[in-house]
Amino acid sequence: MRSKLGPFLRVTGRLPKNPTPSGVWSVNGYLQVMRDKPDADREELLHYGGIALSKARGLQRLIDDLFEYAKLTHPNPRMLRERISLTRLLEQLVEETSVSAEAKGIPLKTALSDDPLMLTGDPSLLVRLFGNLLDNALYHGTGGPIRVHAIREGEWAEITVANPVEDLDPALLERLFDTFVMGDASRSKGGSGLGLAIAHSAAELHGGEIRAGLVERELQFSIRLPLAGQGG
């Protein structure tokens, strides 16, 4: 039991003292207000209920990401090995993200390779990797365009996900993939503080790498993943 819980305990040991802006007590507080105000009108109850639901969803995301990160950092993580077109996967993720991007008035600019960029990997982990990067760009950028580029470079796929940012300390770049680096700034926007750490672990488990760079106020994530051989 200890070996199975080890990765989870290591992550929870680094949790901030208050893992969400108001924590679970805030959810309880709003529910208690609803219980203690039997004469409240429907609009007021819906208001408090909506806040409680939003905070409960934030807690659920934190819990889900904690378990996901613990699984990825386990000494022997379980991974599927399937042949996947990375180009097609990115097209689908960009299409899904475009709905939220349009609602925020954020343009999505893509330049994806005509090559299918076939690789062998775990589809769900790759979705988490690039989905987390797109979410990060969507919710932590300045509202400027999000760029997604993917090309073939020899036997590697090279992908860039970039977005404009403001007031990002360059010294923070080296720690962006650590857990809970963004703290309340991330959680106040619906994040768990684990998204980039999960992306980093997913890239490494696929034999690749991910780096962050800041170029003229644009945060650029560069990912390299090995492509499958002809018979892979």
Protein backbone atom coordinates (compact mmCIF):
# COMPACT_ATOMS: atom_id res chain seq x y z
CA MET A 1 0.00 0.00 0.00
CA ARG A 2 2.81 2.40 0.84
CA SER A 3 4.41 2.03 -2.60
CA LYS A 4 1.09 2.74 -4.35
CA LEU A 5 0.35 5.82 -2.26
CA GLY A 6 3.89 7.17 -2.30
CA PRO A 7 3.62 9.42 -5.40
CA PHE A 8 0.26 10.79 -4.26
CA LEU A 9 1.58 11.57 -0.78
CA ARG A 10 4.63 13.31 -2.23
CA VAL A 11 2.39 15.59 -4.28
CA THR A 12 -0.10 16.33 -1.51
CA GLY A 13 2.82 17.09 0.77
CA ARG A 14 3.58 20.07 -1.48
CA LEU A 15 0.02 21.37 -1.47
CA PRO A 16 -0.30 25.01 -0.41
CA LYS A 17 -1.99 25.51 2.94
CA ASN A 18 -5.09 26.79 1.16
CA PRO A 19 -5.30 24.80 -2.10
CA THR A 20 -8.19 26.81 -3.57
CA PRO A 21 -8.97 30.53 -3.19
CA SER A 22 -11.51 29.78 -0.49
CA GLY A 23 -11.15 26.05 -0.08
CA VAL A 24 -13.72 23.47 0.86
CA TRP A 25 -14.87 25.64 3.77
CA SER A 26 -16.14 28.18 1.26
CA VAL A 27 -18.35 25.55 -0.37
CA ASN A 28 -19.70 24.60 3.04
CA GLY A 29 -20.23 28.25 3.88
CA TYR A 30 -22.42 28.97 0.86
CA LEU A 31 -24.43 25.80 1.42
CA GLN A 32 -24.96 26.75 5.05
CA VAL A 33 -26.19 30.19 3.99
CA MET A 34 -28.73 28.51 1.73
CA ARG A 35 -29.82 26.22 4.57
CA ASP A 36 -30.06 29.02 7.13
CA LYS A 37 -32.07 31.36 4.91
CA PRO A 38 -35.31 29.46 4.27
CA ASP A 39 -37.08 32.68 3.30
CA ALA A 40 -34.54 33.64 0.64
CA ASP A 41 -36.02 34.17 -2.81
CA ARG A 42 -35.20 31.91 -5.74
CA GLU A 43 -32.76 34.36 -7.33
CA GLU A 44 -30.69 34.62 -4.15
CA LEU A 45 -30.61 30.85 -3.69
CA LEU A 46 -29.53 30.37 -7.30
CA HIS A 47 -26.77 32.92 -6.75
CA TYR A 48 -25.34 31.13 -3.71
CA GLY A 49 -25.85 27.73 -5.30
CA GLY A 50 -23.98 28.81 -8.42
CA ILE A 51 -21.00 29.99 -6.39
CA ALA A 52 -20.93 26.77 -4.37
CA LEU A 53 -21.11 24.69 -7.57
CA SER A 54 -18.27 26.65 -9.17
CA LYS A 55 -16.02 26.15 -6.15
CA ALA A 56 -16.93 22.47 -5.91
CA ARG A 57 -15.91 22.02 -9.55
CA GLY A 58 -12.59 23.70 -8.79
CA LEU A 59 -11.99 21.26 -5.96
CA GLN A 60 -12.92 18.34 -8.21
CA ARG A 61 -10.42 19.48 -10.83
CA LEU A 62 -7.71 19.79 -8.19
CA ILE A 63 -8.41 16.26 -6.94
CA ASP A 64 -8.48 14.83 -10.48
CA ASP A 65 -5.20 16.53 -11.37
CA LEU A 66 -3.56 15.38 -8.14
CA PHE A 67 -4.33 11.76 -8.97
CA GLU A 68 -3.29 12.23 -12.61
CA TYR A 69 0.05 13.74 -11.63
CA ALA A 70 0.63 11.04 -9.02
CA LYS A 71 0.03 8.36 -11.67
CA LEU A 72 2.39 10.01 -14.14
CA THR A 73 5.20 10.32 -11.59
CA HIS A 74 4.83 6.75 -10.33
CA PRO A 75 8.06 4.72 -10.77
CA ASN A 76 6.18 2.37 -13.14
CA PRO A 77 3.38 4.39 -14.76
CA ARG A 78 0.86 2.58 -16.93
CA MET A 79 0.71 3.80 -20.52
CA LEU A 80 -1.11 2.72 -23.63
CA ARG A 81 0.97 2.35 -26.78
CA GLU A 82 -1.00 3.16 -29.89
CA ARG A 83 -0.08 4.53 -33.29
CA ILE A 84 -1.45 8.08 -33.46
CA SER A 85 -1.45 10.94 -35.94
CA LEU A 86 -0.25 13.91 -33.91
CA THR A 87 -1.39 16.29 -36.64
CA ARG A 88 -4.94 14.96 -36.43
CA LEU A 89 -4.92 15.05 -32.63
CA LEU A 90 -3.83 18.70 -32.65
CA GLU A 91 -6.49 19.57 -35.23
CA GLN A 92 -9.18 18.09 -32.99
CA LEU A 93 -7.91 19.86 -29.87
CA VAL A 94 -7.70 23.21 -31.65
CA GLU A 95 -11.23 22.77 -32.96
CA GLU A 96 -12.51 22.02 -29.45
CA THR A 97 -10.60 24.96 -27.96
CA SER A 98 -11.90 27.34 -30.63
CA VAL A 99 -15.35 27.43 -29.00
CA SER A 100 -13.98 28.89 -25.75
CA ALA A 101 -11.50 31.05 -27.65
CA GLU A 102 -14.23 32.61 -29.78
CA ALA A 103 -16.30 33.34 -26.68
CA LYS A 104 -13.31 35.25 -25.27
CA GLY A 105 -12.51 36.94 -28.57
CA ILE A 106 -9.13 35.20 -28.79
CA PRO A 107 -7.95 34.20 -32.28
CA LEU A 108 -6.35 30.79 -32.82
CA LYS A 109 -3.63 30.67 -35.46
CA THR A 110 -2.45 27.26 -36.62
CA ALA A 111 0.27 26.06 -38.96
CA LEU A 112 0.20 22.27 -38.88
CA SER A 113 2.31 19.97 -40.99
CA ASP A 114 0.84 18.18 -44.00
CA ASP A 115 2.72 15.17 -42.62
CA PRO A 116 0.43 13.15 -40.30
CA LEU A 117 3.30 13.04 -37.77
CA MET A 118 2.71 9.46 -36.71
CA LEU A 119 3.98 8.49 -33.28
CA THR A 120 3.45 5.72 -30.77
CA GLY A 121 1.94 6.86 -27.51
CA ASP A 122 -0.94 7.11 -25.10
CA PRO A 123 -3.78 9.14 -26.68
CA SER A 124 -5.23 10.32 -23.37
CA LEU A 125 -1.84 11.53 -22.11
CA LEU A 126 -1.15 13.39 -25.34
CA VAL A 127 -4.57 15.04 -25.10
CA ARG A 128 -3.72 16.11 -21.54
CA LEU A 129 -0.33 17.42 -22.64
CA PHE A 130 -1.57 19.68 -25.42
CA GLY A 131 -4.96 20.36 -23.86
CA ASN A 132 -3.26 21.73 -20.75
CA LEU A 133 -1.01 23.96 -22.85
CA LEU A 134 -4.00 25.33 -24.77
CA ASP A 135 -5.92 25.90 -21.54
CA ASN A 136 -2.92 27.70 -20.09
CA ALA A 137 -2.78 29.98 -23.14
CA LEU A 138 -6.52 30.56 -23.03
CA TYR A 139 -6.84 31.47 -19.37
CA HIS A 140 -3.45 32.97 -18.53
CA GLY A 141 -2.67 34.98 -21.66
CA THR A 142 -3.48 38.60 -22.40
CA GLY A 143 -6.27 37.82 -24.84
CA GLY A 144 -3.96 37.99 -27.85
CA PRO A 145 -3.67 35.29 -30.51
CA ILE A 146 -2.74 31.73 -29.58
CA ARG A 147 -0.33 30.10 -32.03
CA VAL A 148 -0.08 26.36 -32.60
CA HIS A 149 2.63 25.15 -34.98
CA ALA A 150 3.73 21.58 -35.72
CA ILE A 151 6.42 20.40 -38.13
CA ARG A 152 8.55 17.35 -38.81
CA GLU A 153 12.25 17.74 -38.11
CA GLY A 154 14.04 14.53 -39.04
CA GLU A 155 12.69 11.78 -36.81
CA TRP A 156 11.06 14.24 -34.42
CA ALA A 157 7.83 16.18 -34.27
CA GLU A 158 8.39 19.76 -33.12
CA ILE A 159 5.38 21.60 -31.77
CA THR A 160 5.02 25.16 -30.52
CA VAL A 161 2.13 26.52 -28.45
CA ALA A 162 2.50 30.25 -27.81
CA ASN A 163 0.51 33.19 -26.49
CA PRO A 164 1.16 36.79 -25.38
CA VAL A 165 1.68 37.41 -21.65
CA GLU A 166 2.20 40.38 -19.38
CA ASP A 167 4.43 40.80 -16.35
CA LEU A 168 5.88 37.28 -16.45
CA ASP A 169 9.13 37.20 -14.52
CA PRO A 170 11.75 35.53 -16.77
CA ALA A 171 13.17 33.88 -13.64
CA LEU A 172 9.87 32.02 -13.31
CA LEU A 173 10.43 30.17 -16.60
CA GLU A 174 12.73 27.63 -14.96
CA ARG A 175 10.02 26.72 -12.45
CA LEU A 176 6.91 26.81 -14.64
CA PHE A 177 6.74 23.03 -14.73
CA ASP A 178 6.96 22.66 -10.95
CA THR A 179 3.76 21.95 -9.05
CA PHE A 180 1.73 24.90 -7.73
CA VAL A 181 4.17 27.54 -9.02
CA MET A 182 1.39 29.89 -10.14
CA GLY A 183 -0.44 29.51 -6.83
CA ASP A 184 -3.67 31.45 -6.39
CA ALA A 185 -3.19 33.19 -9.75
CA SER A 186 -3.82 29.84 -11.44
CA ARG A 187 -6.60 28.58 -9.21
CA SER A 188 -8.51 31.88 -9.35
CA LYS A 189 -8.86 31.27 -13.10
CA GLY A 190 -10.09 27.71 -12.75
CA GLY A 191 -6.73 25.94 -12.80
CA SER A 192 -5.30 23.50 -10.30
CA GLY A 193 -1.66 24.58 -10.38
CA LEU A 194 -0.73 21.17 -11.82
CA GLY A 195 -1.50 21.55 -15.53
CA LEU A 196 2.02 22.35 -16.73
CA ALA A 197 3.59 19.77 -14.41
CA ILE A 198 1.29 17.14 -15.95
CA ALA A 199 2.22 18.31 -19.46
CA HIS A 200 5.93 18.04 -18.61
CA SER A 201 5.57 14.51 -17.24
CA ALA A 202 3.48 13.40 -20.24
CA ALA A 203 6.12 14.67 -22.68
CA GLU A 204 8.92 12.87 -20.86
CA LEU A 205 6.97 9.60 -20.69
CA HIS A 206 6.78 9.71 -24.49
CA GLY A 207 10.55 10.07 -24.77
CA GLY A 208 10.27 13.77 -25.54
CA GLU A 209 10.85 17.10 -23.90
CA ILE A 210 9.12 20.41 -23.31
CA ARG A 211 10.70 23.80 -22.75
CA ALA A 212 9.33 27.26 -21.99
CA GLY A 213 10.72 30.48 -23.42
CA LEU A 214 9.80 34.15 -23.38
CA VAL A 215 10.26 36.02 -26.67
CA GLU A 216 9.09 39.63 -26.87
CA ARG A 217 6.29 39.12 -24.33
CA GLU A 218 5.18 35.88 -25.94
CA LEU A 219 5.31 32.74 -23.83
CA GLN A 220 6.40 29.88 -26.06
CA PHE A 221 6.18 26.21 -25.17
CA SER A 222 8.36 24.05 -27.43
CA ILE A 223 7.71 20.32 -27.46
CA ARG A 224 9.75 17.60 -29.18
CA LEU A 225 8.37 14.08 -29.51
CA PRO A 226 9.95 11.11 -31.30
CA LEU A 227 8.09 9.92 -34.37
CA ALA A 228 7.27 6.27 -34.97
CA GLY A 229 9.39 4.28 -37.40
CA GLN A 230 7.93 2.81 -40.54
CA GLY A 231 6.99 -0.34 -38.68
CA GLY A 232 6.24 1.36 -35.33
